Protein backbone atom coordinates (compact mmCIF):
# COMPACT_ATOMS: atom_id res chain seq x y z
CA ALA A 1 8.81 -17.40 21.63
CA LEU A 2 7.63 -13.79 21.26
CA VAL A 3 4.95 -14.62 18.71
CA GLU A 4 3.79 -17.62 20.73
CA GLY A 5 3.39 -15.29 23.71
CA GLY A 6 1.15 -12.95 21.74
CA THR A 7 3.72 -10.32 20.72
CA VAL A 8 3.33 -9.04 17.17
CA VAL A 9 6.62 -9.18 15.25
CA ALA A 10 6.87 -7.50 11.83
CA MET A 11 9.60 -7.89 9.22
CA THR A 12 10.59 -4.87 7.15
CA SER A 13 13.71 -3.43 5.52
CA GLN A 14 15.96 -0.51 6.36
CA CYS A 15 16.62 0.07 2.66
CA LEU A 16 15.15 3.28 1.27
CA ASP A 17 14.11 1.51 -1.92
CA GLY A 18 12.89 -2.04 -2.29
CA ARG A 19 11.23 -4.55 -0.02
CA VAL A 20 11.97 -7.63 2.02
CA CYS A 21 11.72 -10.77 -0.14
CA ASP A 22 10.85 -13.02 2.76
CA ARG A 23 9.65 -15.94 0.66
CA VAL A 24 12.91 -16.34 -1.29
CA TYR A 25 15.18 -17.86 1.37
CA ASP A 26 14.59 -20.47 4.05
CA THR A 27 15.14 -17.96 6.86
CA GLY A 28 12.34 -15.70 5.61
CA ARG A 29 9.99 -18.64 5.16
CA ASP A 30 10.86 -19.88 8.65
CA LEU A 31 10.00 -16.47 10.08
CA LEU A 32 6.67 -16.45 8.25
CA ASP A 33 5.94 -19.96 9.51
CA ALA A 34 6.68 -18.70 13.04
CA GLY A 35 4.02 -16.01 12.66
CA VAL A 36 6.09 -12.95 11.75
CA VAL A 37 4.00 -10.33 9.93
CA GLU A 38 5.14 -9.11 6.50
CA ALA A 39 5.59 -5.35 6.19
CA GLY A 40 6.68 -5.17 2.54
CA ASP A 41 8.57 -1.97 1.76
CA THR A 42 7.21 -0.03 4.72
CA LEU A 43 10.09 1.72 6.52
CA PRO A 44 10.77 0.53 10.09
CA GLY A 45 9.53 3.69 11.82
CA THR A 46 6.39 3.74 9.73
CA ALA A 47 5.80 0.04 10.39
CA LYS A 48 6.08 0.68 14.14
CA VAL A 49 3.46 3.44 14.03
CA LYS A 50 1.20 1.36 11.77
CA LEU A 51 1.38 -1.60 14.16
CA MET A 52 0.61 0.67 17.12
CA TRP A 53 -2.41 2.00 15.20
CA ALA A 54 -3.59 -1.52 14.31
CA LEU A 55 -3.30 -2.74 17.90
CA ALA A 56 -4.98 0.37 19.35
CA ASN A 57 -7.87 0.00 16.90
CA HIS A 58 -8.25 -3.76 17.48
CA SER A 59 -7.36 -4.44 13.83
CA ASP A 60 -5.63 -7.60 12.64
CA PRO A 61 -1.94 -6.56 12.42
CA ALA A 62 -1.20 -8.86 9.46
CA GLU A 63 -4.16 -7.48 7.51
CA ALA A 64 -3.28 -3.88 8.40
CA MET A 65 0.37 -4.29 7.34
CA GLY A 66 -0.74 -5.66 3.96
CA ARG A 67 -3.06 -2.72 3.30
CA ASP A 68 -1.86 0.68 2.11
CA LEU A 69 -3.37 3.28 4.44
CA ALA A 70 -1.54 6.49 3.53
CA GLY A 71 0.94 5.80 0.73
CA GLU A 72 3.39 3.92 2.95
CA LEU A 73 3.13 0.66 1.00
CA THR A 74 3.68 0.46 -2.75
CA GLU A 75 1.60 -1.73 -5.04
CA GLU A 76 4.73 -3.68 -6.04
CA SER A 77 5.29 -4.52 -2.39
CA GLN A 78 2.06 -6.45 -2.00
CA PRO A 79 2.74 -9.82 -3.69
CA TRP A 80 1.21 -11.77 -0.82
CA ARG A 81 -2.22 -10.20 -1.36
């Protein structure tokens, strides 16, 4: 309902090392199908700031979250690219 209403929802992990494997289980695939944006191994606080930056700069949030801007996203975390 949030995504359908235009709210950007991003999925990330609270783990200090590793990333969300959102394509492995049905739940992750369902979230992607619903329009949730992948954030890879970006930490939650960093993902929040990055989304605020993307929205303020009229950037596509999904594209911005998949692009490393300042070392917040590791190369290994970008399998969807």
